[in-house]
Amino acid sequence: MGWIGSTHNPFRLAADATGPAVSLLGSPADPVMSLVENAYQAAVDAMTPAQKIERMLRLNQWAHWNVERCVLAELGPLPAEELKWQVALRYYGQNPECRQLIEEQLARVRSSRLQASQPVLPR
């Protein structure tokens, strides 16, 4: 069954040949986490599909903001266009083809910024 309408819990690993299913958030030995996990799952199960999508979008925006914050902390203030490509490099930089394309775009952005910052001499 697909994710929409599924009762699948993404925080629970399916059983395999090595043993029973394992929860990533709690265990039978940790009743507090089991209570938290159960309350979380009940809250998510009570959401409408539209609410789940809205929640997913907000979590993605939050994660994107955190990546931007890390880039700015590492590289200092950047123009919006360069920041956009630096964030893309963090997301997709492990793929050699994507890295090459993003680095080419970063070079274009930087060179256009340098050209724009050079004074125009009167003729």
PDB file of N, CA and C in Angstrom:
ATOM      1  N   MET A   1       0.848  -1.184   0.000  1.00  0.00           N
ATOM      2  CA  MET A   1       0.000   0.000   0.000  1.00  0.00           C
ATOM      3  C   MET A   1       0.886   1.237   0.000  1.00  0.00           C
ATOM      4  N   GLY A   2       0.446   2.296  -0.652  1.00  0.00           N
ATOM      5  CA  GLY A   2       1.213   3.533  -0.739  1.00  0.00           C
ATOM      6  C   GLY A   2       1.167   4.313   0.560  1.00  0.00           C
ATOM      7  N   TRP A   3       1.851   5.462   0.561  1.00  0.00           N
ATOM      8  CA  TRP A   3       1.926   6.281   1.765  1.00  0.00           C
ATOM      9  C   TRP A   3       0.598   6.949   2.094  1.00  0.00           C
ATOM     10  N   ILE A   4      -0.150   7.423   1.082  1.00  0.00           N
ATOM     11  CA  ILE A   4      -1.410   8.118   1.347  1.00  0.00           C
ATOM     12  C   ILE A   4      -2.438   7.101   1.806  1.00  0.00           C
ATOM     13  N   GLY A   5      -3.024   7.356   2.942  1.00  0.00           N
ATOM     14  CA  GLY A   5      -4.028   6.462   3.487  1.00  0.00           C
ATOM     15  C   GLY A   5      -3.433   5.244   4.168  1.00  0.00           C
ATOM     16  N   SER A   6      -2.124   5.153   4.195  1.00  0.00           N
ATOM     17  CA  SER A   6      -1.456   4.014   4.792  1.00  0.00           C
ATOM     18  C   SER A   6      -1.350   4.199   6.296  1.00  0.00           C
ATOM     19  N   THR A   7      -1.353   3.115   7.026  1.00  0.00           N
ATOM     20  CA  THR A   7      -1.113   3.182   8.462  1.00  0.00           C
ATOM     21  C   THR A   7       0.350   2.919   8.756  1.00  0.00           C
ATOM     22  N   HIS A   8       1.161   2.937   7.709  1.00  0.00           N
ATOM     23  CA  HIS A   8       2.600   2.709   7.868  1.00  0.00           C
ATOM     24  C   HIS A   8       3.219   3.796   8.731  1.00  0.00           C
ATOM     25  N   ASN A   9       4.006   3.394   9.702  1.00  0.00           N
ATOM     26  CA  ASN A   9       4.720   4.331  10.564  1.00  0.00           C
ATOM     27  C   ASN A   9       6.148   4.438  10.059  1.00  0.00           C
ATOM     28  N   PRO A  10       6.572   5.611   9.527  1.00  0.00           N
ATOM     29  CA  PRO A  10       7.918   5.723   8.982  1.00  0.00           C
ATOM     30  C   PRO A  10       9.002   5.628  10.053  1.00  0.00           C
ATOM     31  N   PHE A  11       8.635   5.703  11.330  1.00  0.00           N
ATOM     32  CA  PHE A  11       9.601   5.615  12.402  1.00  0.00           C
ATOM     33  C   PHE A  11       9.731   4.187  12.928  1.00  0.00           C
ATOM     34  N   ARG A  12       9.176   3.254  12.216  1.00  0.00           N
ATOM     35  CA  ARG A  12       9.224   1.866  12.640  1.00  0.00           C
ATOM     36  C   ARG A  12       9.816   1.046  11.500  1.00  0.00           C
ATOM     37  N   LEU A  13      10.834   0.272  11.799  1.00  0.00           N
ATOM     38  CA  LEU A  13      11.459  -0.576  10.800  1.00  0.00           C
ATOM     39  C   LEU A  13      10.722  -1.904  10.738  1.00  0.00           C
ATOM     40  N   ALA A  14      10.492  -2.392   9.540  1.00  0.00           N
ATOM     41  CA  ALA A  14       9.766  -3.649   9.377  1.00  0.00           C
ATOM     42  C   ALA A  14      10.598  -4.817   9.888  1.00  0.00           C
ATOM     43  N   ALA A  15       9.897  -5.867  10.279  1.00  0.00           N
ATOM     44  CA  ALA A  15      10.585  -7.071  10.723  1.00  0.00           C
ATOM     45  C   ALA A  15      11.329  -7.680   9.552  1.00  0.00           C
ATOM     46  N   ASP A  16      12.435  -8.275   9.825  1.00  0.00           N
ATOM     47  CA  ASP A  16      13.177  -8.986   8.786  1.00  0.00           C
ATOM     48  C   ASP A  16      13.591 -10.339   9.347  1.00  0.00           C
ATOM     49  N   ALA A  17      14.462 -11.007   8.641  1.00  0.00           N
ATOM     50  CA  ALA A  17      14.866 -12.344   9.047  1.00  0.00           C
ATOM     51  C   ALA A  17      15.633 -12.343  10.366  1.00  0.00           C
ATOM     52  N   THR A  18      16.158 -11.205  10.777  1.00  0.00           N
ATOM     53  CA  THR A  18      16.979 -11.166  11.992  1.00  0.00           C
ATOM     54  C   THR A  18      16.157 -10.964  13.257  1.00  0.00           C
ATOM     55  N   GLY A  19      14.895 -10.609  13.131  1.00  0.00           N
ATOM     56  CA  GLY A  19      14.114 -10.434  14.350  1.00  0.00           C
ATOM     57  C   GLY A  19      12.875  -9.598  14.135  1.00  0.00           C
ATOM     58  N   PRO A  20      12.216  -9.219  15.234  1.00  0.00           N
ATOM     59  CA  PRO A  20      10.957  -8.476  15.141  1.00  0.00           C
ATOM     60  C   PRO A  20      11.199  -7.024  14.728  1.00  0.00           C
ATOM     61  N   ALA A  21      10.103  -6.359  14.404  1.00  0.00           N
ATOM     62  CA  ALA A  21      10.178  -4.943  14.043  1.00  0.00           C
ATOM     63  C   ALA A  21      10.743  -4.143  15.205  1.00  0.00           C
ATOM     64  N   VAL A  22      11.476  -3.091  14.881  1.00  0.00           N
ATOM     65  CA  VAL A  22      12.137  -2.267  15.893  1.00  0.00           C
ATOM     66  C   VAL A  22      11.674  -0.837  15.715  1.00  0.00           C
ATOM     67  N   SER A  23      11.368  -0.168  16.799  1.00  0.00           N
ATOM     68  CA  SER A  23      10.985   1.231  16.759  1.00  0.00           C
ATOM     69  C   SER A  23      12.215   2.090  16.912  1.00  0.00           C
ATOM     70  N   LEU A  24      12.310   3.161  16.109  1.00  0.00           N
ATOM     71  CA  LEU A  24      13.439   4.069  16.209  1.00  0.00           C
ATOM     72  C   LEU A  24      13.265   5.069  17.344  1.00  0.00           C
ATOM     73  N   LEU A  25      12.035   5.267  17.825  1.00  0.00           N
ATOM     74  CA  LEU A  25      11.782   6.277  18.854  1.00  0.00           C
ATOM     75  C   LEU A  25      11.673   5.707  20.257  1.00  0.00           C
ATOM     76  N   GLY A  26      11.355   4.484  20.392  1.00  0.00           N
ATOM     77  CA  GLY A  26      11.178   3.931  21.727  1.00  0.00           C
ATOM     78  C   GLY A  26      11.315   2.424  21.705  1.00  0.00           C
ATOM     79  N   SER A  27      11.232   1.849  22.853  1.00  0.00           N
ATOM     80  CA  SER A  27      11.323   0.401  22.949  1.00  0.00           C
ATOM     81  C   SER A  27      10.446  -0.043  24.110  1.00  0.00           C
ATOM     82  N   PRO A  28      10.168  -1.332  24.192  1.00  0.00           N
ATOM     83  CA  PRO A  28       9.381  -1.799  25.333  1.00  0.00           C
ATOM     84  C   PRO A  28      10.046  -1.446  26.663  1.00  0.00           C
ATOM     85  N   ALA A  29      11.361  -1.320  26.668  1.00  0.00           N
ATOM     86  CA  ALA A  29      12.072  -0.968  27.895  1.00  0.00           C
ATOM     87  C   ALA A  29      11.982   0.526  28.200  1.00  0.00           C
ATOM     88  N   ASP A  30      11.474   1.317  27.270  1.00  0.00           N
ATOM     89  CA  ASP A  30      11.376   2.772  27.441  1.00  0.00           C
ATOM     90  C   ASP A  30       9.912   3.184  27.323  1.00  0.00           C
ATOM     91  N   PRO A  31       9.130   3.015  28.408  1.00  0.00           N
ATOM     92  CA  PRO A  31       7.690   3.307  28.325  1.00  0.00           C
ATOM     93  C   PRO A  31       7.375   4.766  28.065  1.00  0.00           C
ATOM     94  N   VAL A  32       8.242   5.691  28.488  1.00  0.00           N
ATOM     95  CA  VAL A  32       7.978   7.109  28.245  1.00  0.00           C
ATOM     96  C   VAL A  32       8.016   7.394  26.748  1.00  0.00           C
ATOM     97  N   MET A  33       9.028   6.887  26.057  1.00  0.00           N
ATOM     98  CA  MET A  33       9.102   7.109  24.614  1.00  0.00           C
ATOM     99  C   MET A  33       7.957   6.399  23.899  1.00  0.00           C
ATOM    100  N   SER A  34       7.559   5.244  24.410  1.00  0.00           N
ATOM    101  CA  SER A  34       6.419   4.556  23.805  1.00  0.00           C
ATOM    102  C   SER A  34       5.162   5.416  23.928  1.00  0.00           C
ATOM    103  N   LEU A  35       4.976   6.085  25.073  1.00  0.00           N
ATOM    104  CA  LEU A  35       3.826   6.973  25.250  1.00  0.00           C
ATOM    105  C   LEU A  35       3.914   8.155  24.287  1.00  0.00           C
ATOM    106  N   VAL A  36       5.106   8.734  24.159  1.00  0.00           N
ATOM    107  CA  VAL A  36       5.304   9.860  23.250  1.00  0.00           C
ATOM    108  C   VAL A  36       5.068   9.418  21.812  1.00  0.00           C
ATOM    109  N   GLU A  37       5.629   8.263  21.447  1.00  0.00           N
ATOM    110  CA  GLU A  37       5.459   7.752  20.089  1.00  0.00           C
ATOM    111  C   GLU A  37       3.987   7.482  19.796  1.00  0.00           C
ATOM    112  N   ASN A  38       3.267   6.902  20.745  1.00  0.00           N
ATOM    113  CA  ASN A  38       1.848   6.610  20.549  1.00  0.00           C
ATOM    114  C   ASN A  38       1.028   7.894  20.421  1.00  0.00           C
ATOM    115  N   ALA A  39       1.345   8.902  21.247  1.00  0.00           N
ATOM    116  CA  ALA A  39       0.629  10.178  21.166  1.00  0.00           C
ATOM    117  C   ALA A  39       0.914  10.861  19.833  1.00  0.00           C
ATOM    118  N   TYR A  40       2.165  10.827  19.391  1.00  0.00           N
ATOM    119  CA  TYR A  40       2.535  11.411  18.098  1.00  0.00           C
ATOM    120  C   TYR A  40       1.783  10.707  16.974  1.00  0.00           C
ATOM    121  N   GLN A  41       1.797   9.382  16.985  1.00  0.00           N
ATOM    122  CA  GLN A  41       1.138   8.623  15.925  1.00  0.00           C
ATOM    123  C   GLN A  41      -0.359   8.890  15.912  1.00  0.00           C
ATOM    124  N   ALA A  42      -0.978   9.014  17.082  1.00  0.00           N
ATOM    125  CA  ALA A  42      -2.411   9.309  17.157  1.00  0.00           C
ATOM    126  C   ALA A  42      -2.703  10.690  16.583  1.00  0.00           C
ATOM    127  N   ALA A  43      -1.828  11.662  16.877  1.00  0.00           N
ATOM    128  CA  ALA A  43      -2.026  13.017  16.344  1.00  0.00           C
ATOM    129  C   ALA A  43      -1.881  13.032  14.824  1.00  0.00           C
ATOM    130  N   VAL A  44      -0.907  12.316  14.304  1.00  0.00           N
ATOM    131  CA  VAL A  44      -0.717  12.264  12.851  1.00  0.00           C
ATOM    132  C   VAL A  44      -1.876  11.525  12.198  1.00  0.00           C
ATOM    133  N   ASP A  45      -2.306  10.436  12.792  1.00  0.00           N
ATOM    134  CA  ASP A  45      -3.426   9.672  12.230  1.00  0.00           C
ATOM    135  C   ASP A  45      -4.712  10.491  12.191  1.00  0.00           C
ATOM    136  N   ALA A  46      -4.873  11.437  13.112  1.00  0.00           N
ATOM    137  CA  ALA A  46      -6.084  12.263  13.167  1.00  0.00           C
ATOM    138  C   ALA A  46      -6.064  13.385  12.122  1.00  0.00           C
ATOM    139  N   MET A  47      -4.915  13.640  11.504  1.00  0.00           N
ATOM    140  CA  MET A  47      -4.811  14.714  10.507  1.00  0.00           C
ATOM    141  C   MET A  47      -5.484  14.318   9.197  1.00  0.00           C
ATOM    142  N   THR A  48      -6.035  15.324   8.534  1.00  0.00           N
ATOM    143  CA  THR A  48      -6.565  15.100   7.185  1.00  0.00           C
ATOM    144  C   THR A  48      -5.379  15.049   6.228  1.00  0.00           C
ATOM    145  N   PRO A  49      -5.562  14.518   5.019  1.00  0.00           N
ATOM    146  CA  PRO A  49      -4.464  14.530   4.051  1.00  0.00           C
ATOM    147  C   PRO A  49      -3.930  15.946   3.794  1.00  0.00           C
ATOM    148  N   ALA A  50      -4.822  16.931   3.729  1.00  0.00           N
ATOM    149  CA  ALA A  50      -4.377  18.311   3.497  1.00  0.00           C
ATOM    150  C   ALA A  50      -3.514  18.809   4.658  1.00  0.00           C
ATOM    151  N   GLN A  51      -3.874  18.450   5.875  1.00  0.00           N
ATOM    152  CA  GLN A  51      -3.083  18.850   7.047  1.00  0.00           C
ATOM    153  C   GLN A  51      -1.706  18.172   7.034  1.00  0.00           C
ATOM    154  N   LYS A  52      -1.678  16.915   6.611  1.00  0.00           N
ATOM    155  CA  LYS A  52      -0.397  16.204   6.531  1.00  0.00           C
ATOM    156  C   LYS A  52       0.512  16.846   5.494  1.00  0.00           C
ATOM    157  N   ILE A  53      -0.060  17.247   4.368  1.00  0.00           N
ATOM    158  CA  ILE A  53       0.737  17.900   3.322  1.00  0.00           C
ATOM    159  C   ILE A  53       1.232  19.255   3.815  1.00  0.00           C
ATOM    160  N   GLU A  54       0.365  20.015   4.471  1.00  0.00           N
ATOM    161  CA  GLU A  54       0.783  21.314   5.009  1.00  0.00           C
ATOM    162  C   GLU A  54       1.899  21.137   6.033  1.00  0.00           C
ATOM    163  N   ARG A  55       1.780  20.142   6.883  1.00  0.00           N
ATOM    164  CA  ARG A  55       2.814  19.869   7.885  1.00  0.00           C
ATOM    165  C   ARG A  55       4.122  19.499   7.208  1.00  0.00           C
ATOM    166  N   MET A  56       4.050  18.670   6.167  1.00  0.00           N
ATOM    167  CA  MET A  56       5.246  18.276   5.435  1.00  0.00           C
ATOM    168  C   MET A  56       5.927  19.500   4.814  1.00  0.00           C
ATOM    169  N   LEU A  57       5.121  20.392   4.227  1.00  0.00           N
ATOM    170  CA  LEU A  57       5.688  21.596   3.620  1.00  0.00           C
ATOM    171  C   LEU A  57       6.365  22.476   4.661  1.00  0.00           C
ATOM    172  N   ARG A  58       5.735  22.630   5.817  1.00  0.00           N
ATOM    173  CA  ARG A  58       6.339  23.447   6.886  1.00  0.00           C
ATOM    174  C   ARG A  58       7.630  22.829   7.394  1.00  0.00           C
ATOM    175  N   LEU A  59       7.652  21.514   7.535  1.00  0.00           N
ATOM    176  CA  LEU A  59       8.881  20.853   7.982  1.00  0.00           C
ATOM    177  C   LEU A  59       9.987  21.000   6.935  1.00  0.00           C
ATOM    178  N   ASN A  60       9.623  20.911   5.657  1.00  0.00           N
ATOM    179  CA  ASN A  60      10.618  21.110   4.596  1.00  0.00           C
ATOM    180  C   ASN A  60      11.137  22.547   4.597  1.00  0.00           C
ATOM    181  N   GLN A  61      10.244  23.522   4.805  1.00  0.00           N
ATOM    182  CA  GLN A  61      10.678  24.920   4.878  1.00  0.00           C
ATOM    183  C   GLN A  61      11.615  25.127   6.061  1.00  0.00           C
ATOM    184  N   TRP A  62      11.304  24.508   7.182  1.00  0.00           N
ATOM    185  CA  TRP A  62      12.144  24.622   8.363  1.00  0.00           C
ATOM    186  C   TRP A  62      13.523  24.015   8.105  1.00  0.00           C
ATOM    187  N   ALA A  63      13.548  22.843   7.473  1.00  0.00           N
ATOM    188  CA  ALA A  63      14.822  22.190   7.163  1.00  0.00           C
ATOM    189  C   ALA A  63      15.634  23.048   6.192  1.00  0.00           C
ATOM    190  N   HIS A  64      14.970  23.623   5.190  1.00  0.00           N
ATOM    191  CA  HIS A  64      15.653  24.486   4.216  1.00  0.00           C
ATOM    192  C   HIS A  64      16.222  25.720   4.915  1.00  0.00           C
ATOM    193  N   TRP A  65      15.466  26.308   5.803  1.00  0.00           N
ATOM    194  CA  TRP A  65      15.941  27.458   6.563  1.00  0.00           C
ATOM    195  C   TRP A  65      17.185  27.090   7.381  1.00  0.00           C
ATOM    196  N   ASN A  66      17.184  25.893   7.962  1.00  0.00           N
ATOM    197  CA  ASN A  66      18.345  25.455   8.738  1.00  0.00           C
ATOM    198  C   ASN A  66      19.578  25.285   7.860  1.00  0.00           C
ATOM    199  N   VAL A  67      19.406  24.766   6.655  1.00  0.00           N
ATOM    200  CA  VAL A  67      20.542  24.633   5.742  1.00  0.00           C
ATOM    201  C   VAL A  67      21.050  26.022   5.365  1.00  0.00           C
ATOM    202  N   GLU A  68      20.139  26.950   5.060  1.00  0.00           N
ATOM    203  CA  GLU A  68      20.555  28.332   4.760  1.00  0.00           C
ATOM    204  C   GLU A  68      21.332  28.930   5.927  1.00  0.00           C
ATOM    205  N   ARG A  69      20.834  28.726   7.126  1.00  0.00           N
ATOM    206  CA  ARG A  69      21.488  29.258   8.324  1.00  0.00           C
ATOM    207  C   ARG A  69      22.899  28.696   8.475  1.00  0.00           C
ATOM    208  N   CYS A  70      23.072  27.405   8.217  1.00  0.00           N
ATOM    209  CA  CYS A  70      24.399  26.782   8.308  1.00  0.00           C
ATOM    210  C   CYS A  70      25.342  27.332   7.242  1.00  0.00           C
ATOM    211  N   VAL A  71      24.833  27.512   6.024  1.00  0.00           N
ATOM    212  CA  VAL A  71      25.659  28.072   4.940  1.00  0.00           C
ATOM    213  C   VAL A  71      26.107  29.477   5.314  1.00  0.00           C
ATOM    214  N   LEU A  72      25.186  30.296   5.800  1.00  0.00           N
ATOM    215  CA  LEU A  72      25.528  31.666   6.183  1.00  0.00           C
ATOM    216  C   LEU A  72      26.505  31.701   7.360  1.00  0.00           C
ATOM    217  N   ALA A  73      26.359  30.781   8.286  1.00  0.00           N
ATOM    218  CA  ALA A  73      27.283  30.719   9.424  1.00  0.00           C
ATOM    219  C   ALA A  73      28.684  30.342   8.948  1.00  0.00           C
ATOM    220  N   GLU A  74      28.762  29.489   7.945  1.00  0.00           N
ATOM    221  CA  GLU A  74      30.053  29.033   7.438  1.00  0.00           C
ATOM    222  C   GLU A  74      30.699  30.044   6.490  1.00  0.00           C
ATOM    223  N   LEU A  75      29.894  30.635   5.589  1.00  0.00           N
ATOM    224  CA  LEU A  75      30.448  31.478   4.522  1.00  0.00           C
ATOM    225  C   LEU A  75      30.243  32.970   4.745  1.00  0.00           C
ATOM    226  N   GLY A  76      29.446  33.341   5.729  1.00  0.00           N
ATOM    227  CA  GLY A  76      29.155  34.750   5.952  1.00  0.00           C
ATOM    228  C   GLY A  76      28.035  35.221   5.038  1.00  0.00           C
ATOM    229  N   PRO A  77      27.743  36.519   5.068  1.00  0.00           N
ATOM    230  CA  PRO A  77      26.643  37.051   4.256  1.00  0.00           C
ATOM    231  C   PRO A  77      26.873  36.790   2.761  1.00  0.00           C
ATOM    232  N   LEU A  78      25.805  36.395   2.091  1.00  0.00           N
ATOM    233  CA  LEU A  78      25.855  36.110   0.656  1.00  0.00           C
ATOM    234  C   LEU A  78      24.658  36.753  -0.033  1.00  0.00           C
ATOM    235  N   PRO A  79      24.822  37.134  -1.301  1.00  0.00           N
ATOM    236  CA  PRO A  79      23.647  37.568  -2.068  1.00  0.00           C
ATOM    237  C   PRO A  79      22.654  36.407  -2.189  1.00  0.00           C
ATOM    238  N   ALA A  80      21.394  36.730  -2.335  1.00  0.00           N
ATOM    239  CA  ALA A  80      20.329  35.713  -2.360  1.00  0.00           C
ATOM    240  C   ALA A  80      20.569  34.654  -3.438  1.00  0.00           C
ATOM    241  N   GLU A  81      21.004  35.064  -4.614  1.00  0.00           N
ATOM    242  CA  GLU A  81      21.216  34.112  -5.705  1.00  0.00           C
ATOM    243  C   GLU A  81      22.349  33.135  -5.379  1.00  0.00           C
ATOM    244  N   GLU A  82      23.416  33.628  -4.799  1.00  0.00           N
ATOM    245  CA  GLU A  82      24.526  32.741  -4.435  1.00  0.00           C
ATOM    246  C   GLU A  82      24.126  31.820  -3.283  1.00  0.00           C
ATOM    247  N   LEU A  83      23.373  32.346  -2.323  1.00  0.00           N
ATOM    248  CA  LEU A  83      22.894  31.526  -1.212  1.00  0.00           C
ATOM    249  C   LEU A  83      22.042  30.370  -1.735  1.00  0.00           C
ATOM    250  N   LYS A  84      21.188  30.669  -2.699  1.00  0.00           N
ATOM    251  CA  LYS A  84      20.326  29.636  -3.285  1.00  0.00           C
ATOM    252  C   LYS A  84      21.163  28.487  -3.844  1.00  0.00           C
ATOM    253  N   TRP A  85      22.231  28.816  -4.563  1.00  0.00           N
ATOM    254  CA  TRP A  85      23.067  27.780  -5.179  1.00  0.00           C
ATOM    255  C   TRP A  85      23.941  27.078  -4.151  1.00  0.00           C
ATOM    256  N   GLN A  86      24.355  27.779  -3.105  1.00  0.00           N
ATOM    257  CA  GLN A  86      25.124  27.129  -2.040  1.00  0.00           C
ATOM    258  C   GLN A  86      24.247  26.106  -1.305  1.00  0.00           C
ATOM    259  N   VAL A  87      22.991  26.450  -1.094  1.00  0.00           N
ATOM    260  CA  VAL A  87      22.063  25.506  -0.466  1.00  0.00           C
ATOM    261  C   VAL A  87      21.861  24.300  -1.378  1.00  0.00           C
ATOM    262  N   ALA A  88      21.694  24.537  -2.666  1.00  0.00           N
ATOM    263  CA  ALA A  88      21.545  23.427  -3.623  1.00  0.00           C
ATOM    264  C   ALA A  88      22.771  22.523  -3.594  1.00  0.00           C
ATOM    265  N   LEU A  89      23.948  23.127  -3.438  1.00  0.00           N
ATOM    266  CA  LEU A  89      25.177  22.342  -3.358  1.00  0.00           C
ATOM    267  C   LEU A  89      25.159  21.445  -2.129  1.00  0.00           C
ATOM    268  N   ARG A  90      24.615  21.944  -1.013  1.00  0.00           N
ATOM    269  CA  ARG A  90      24.506  21.112   0.189  1.00  0.00           C
ATOM    270  C   ARG A  90      23.542  19.945  -0.034  1.00  0.00           C
ATOM    271  N   TYR A  91      22.448  20.219  -0.735  1.00  0.00           N
ATOM    272  CA  TYR A  91      21.460  19.164  -0.980  1.00  0.00           C
ATOM    273  C   TYR A  91      21.961  18.119  -1.975  1.00  0.00           C
ATOM    274  N   TYR A  92      22.533  18.556  -3.078  1.00  0.00           N
ATOM    275  CA  TYR A  92      22.813  17.676  -4.207  1.00  0.00           C
ATOM    276  C   TYR A  92      24.287  17.493  -4.513  1.00  0.00           C
ATOM    277  N   GLY A  93      25.173  18.022  -3.675  1.00  0.00           N
ATOM    278  CA  GLY A  93      26.600  17.997  -3.953  1.00  0.00           C
ATOM    279  C   GLY A  93      27.237  16.621  -3.962  1.00  0.00           C
ATOM    280  N   GLN A  94      26.594  15.633  -3.421  1.00  0.00           N
ATOM    281  CA  GLN A  94      27.156  14.279  -3.427  1.00  0.00           C
ATOM    282  C   GLN A  94      27.089  13.635  -4.806  1.00  0.00           C
ATOM    283  N   ASN A  95      26.194  14.129  -5.641  1.00  0.00           N
ATOM    284  CA  ASN A  95      26.066  13.615  -7.000  1.00  0.00           C
ATOM    285  C   ASN A  95      27.039  14.387  -7.896  1.00  0.00           C
ATOM    286  N   PRO A  96      28.012  13.708  -8.516  1.00  0.00           N
ATOM    287  CA  PRO A  96      29.036  14.426  -9.299  1.00  0.00           C
ATOM    288  C   PRO A  96      28.463  15.284 -10.428  1.00  0.00           C
ATOM    289  N   GLU A  97      27.440  14.795 -11.123  1.00  0.00           N
ATOM    290  CA  GLU A  97      26.853  15.569 -12.216  1.00  0.00           C
ATOM    291  C   GLU A  97      26.161  16.824 -11.680  1.00  0.00           C
ATOM    292  N   CYS A  98      25.417  16.659 -10.599  1.00  0.00           N
ATOM    293  CA  CYS A  98      24.735  17.809  -9.990  1.00  0.00           C
ATOM    294  C   CYS A  98      25.756  18.810  -9.457  1.00  0.00           C
ATOM    295  N   ARG A  99      26.792  18.293  -8.808  1.00  0.00           N
ATOM    296  CA  ARG A  99      27.829  19.182  -8.263  1.00  0.00           C
ATOM    297  C   ARG A  99      28.439  20.026  -9.373  1.00  0.00           C
ATOM    298  N   GLN A 100      28.752  19.401 -10.505  1.00  0.00           N
ATOM    299  CA  GLN A 100      29.357  20.145 -11.612  1.00  0.00           C
ATOM    300  C   GLN A 100      28.422  21.246 -12.107  1.00  0.00           C
ATOM    301  N   LEU A 101      27.154  20.923 -12.303  1.00  0.00           N
ATOM    302  CA  LEU A 101      26.188  21.917 -12.777  1.00  0.00           C
ATOM    303  C   LEU A 101      26.027  23.066 -11.779  1.00  0.00           C
ATOM    304  N   ILE A 102      25.943  22.731 -10.506  1.00  0.00           N
ATOM    305  CA  ILE A 102      25.765  23.769  -9.480  1.00  0.00           C
ATOM    306  C   ILE A 102      27.007  24.643  -9.386  1.00  0.00           C
ATOM    307  N   GLU A 103      28.178  24.026  -9.433  1.00  0.00           N
ATOM    308  CA  GLU A 103      29.412  24.811  -9.360  1.00  0.00           C
ATOM    309  C   GLU A 103      29.556  25.730 -10.578  1.00  0.00           C
ATOM    310  N   GLU A 104      29.129  25.267 -11.751  1.00  0.00           N
ATOM    311  CA  GLU A 104      29.138  26.132 -12.946  1.00  0.00           C
ATOM    312  C   GLU A 104      28.209  27.325 -12.734  1.00  0.00           C
ATOM    313  N   GLN A 105      27.035  27.061 -12.178  1.00  0.00           N
ATOM    314  CA  GLN A 105      26.086  28.149 -11.931  1.00  0.00           C
ATOM    315  C   GLN A 105      26.628  29.118 -10.884  1.00  0.00           C
ATOM    316  N   LEU A 106      27.262  28.597  -9.862  1.00  0.00           N
ATOM    317  CA  LEU A 106      27.880  29.458  -8.849  1.00  0.00           C
ATOM    318  C   LEU A 106      28.950  30.352  -9.475  1.00  0.00           C
ATOM    319  N   ALA A 107      29.737  29.779 -10.378  1.00  0.00           N
ATOM    320  CA  ALA A 107      30.772  30.577 -11.052  1.00  0.00           C
ATOM    321  C   ALA A 107      30.131  31.693 -11.868  1.00  0.00           C
ATOM    322  N   ARG A 108      29.026  31.392 -12.553  1.00  0.00           N
ATOM    323  CA  ARG A 108      28.319  32.425 -13.330  1.00  0.00           C
ATOM    324  C   ARG A 108      27.792  33.530 -12.408  1.00  0.00           C
ATOM    325  N   VAL A 109      27.198  33.128 -11.301  1.00  0.00           N
ATOM    326  CA  VAL A 109      26.632  34.100 -10.356  1.00  0.00           C
ATOM    327  C   VAL A 109      27.737  34.993  -9.796  1.00  0.00           C
ATOM    328  N   ARG A 110      28.839  34.383  -9.421  1.00  0.00           N
ATOM    329  CA  ARG A 110      29.955  35.168  -8.855  1.00  0.00           C
ATOM    330  C   ARG A 110      30.552  36.108  -9.892  1.00  0.00           C
ATOM    331  N   SER A 111      30.717  35.625 -11.135  1.00  0.00           N
ATOM    332  CA  SER A 111      31.322  36.493 -12.156  1.00  0.00           C
ATOM    333  C   SER A 111      30.382  37.651 -12.512  1.00  0.00           C
ATOM    334  N   SER A 112      29.088  37.400 -12.558  1.00  0.00           N
ATOM    335  CA  SER A 112      28.161  38.500 -12.852  1.00  0.00           C
ATOM    336  C   SER A 112      28.132  39.502 -11.706  1.00  0.00           C
ATOM    337  N   ARG A 113      28.296  39.015 -10.471  1.00  0.00           N
ATOM    338  CA  ARG A 113      28.347  39.910  -9.326  1.00  0.00           C
ATOM    339  C   ARG A 113      29.616  40.765  -9.381  1.00  0.00           C
ATOM    340  N   LEU A 114      30.727  40.163  -9.759  1.00  0.00           N
ATOM    341  CA  LEU A 114      31.976  40.914  -9.858  1.00  0.00           C
ATOM    342  C   LEU A 114      31.898  41.952 -10.974  1.00  0.00           C
ATOM    343  N   GLN A 115      31.305  41.569 -12.095  1.00  0.00           N
ATOM    344  CA  GLN A 115      31.154  42.525 -13.203  1.00  0.00           C
ATOM    345  C   GLN A 115      30.259  43.686 -12.797  1.00  0.00           C
ATOM    346  N   ALA A 116      29.222  43.418 -12.052  1.00  0.00           N
ATOM    347  CA  ALA A 116      28.283  44.455 -11.626  1.00  0.00           C
ATOM    348  C   ALA A 116      28.933  45.396 -10.611  1.00  0.00           C
ATOM    349  N   SER A 117      29.901  44.865  -9.849  1.00  0.00           N
ATOM    350  CA  SER A 117      30.528  45.709  -8.818  1.00  0.00           C
ATOM    351  C   SER A 117      31.668  46.553  -9.359  1.00  0.00           C
ATOM    352  N   GLN A 118      32.129  46.282 -10.592  1.00  0.00           N
ATOM    353  CA  GLN A 118      33.202  47.074 -11.173  1.00  0.00           C
ATOM    354  C   GLN A 118      32.649  48.395 -11.668  1.00  0.00           C
ATOM    355  N   PRO A 119      33.356  49.484 -11.392  1.00  0.00           N
ATOM    356  CA  PRO A 119      32.855  50.783 -11.846  1.00  0.00           C
ATOM    357  C   PRO A 119      32.912  50.900 -13.366  1.00  0.00           C
ATOM    358  N   VAL A 120      31.946  51.604 -13.899  1.00  0.00           N
ATOM    359  CA  VAL A 120      31.922  51.844 -15.343  1.00  0.00           C
ATOM    360  C   VAL A 120      32.698  53.142 -15.591  1.00  0.00           C
ATOM    361  N   LEU A 121      33.712  53.025 -16.425  1.00  0.00           N
ATOM    362  CA  LEU A 121      34.552  54.189 -16.727  1.00  0.00           C
ATOM    363  C   LEU A 121      33.908  55.021 -17.840  1.00  0.00           C
ATOM    364  N   PRO A 122      33.906  56.310 -17.704  1.00  0.00           N
ATOM    365  CA  PRO A 122      33.326  57.154 -18.768  1.00  0.00           C
ATOM    366  C   PRO A 122      34.247  57.122 -19.991  1.00  0.00           C
ATOM    367  N   ARG A 123      33.652  57.267 -21.144  1.00  0.00           N
ATOM    368  CA  ARG A 123      34.440  57.251 -22.389  1.00  0.00           C
ATOM    369  C   ARG A 123      34.790  58.634 -22.821  1.00  0.00           C
TER     370      ARG A 123
END
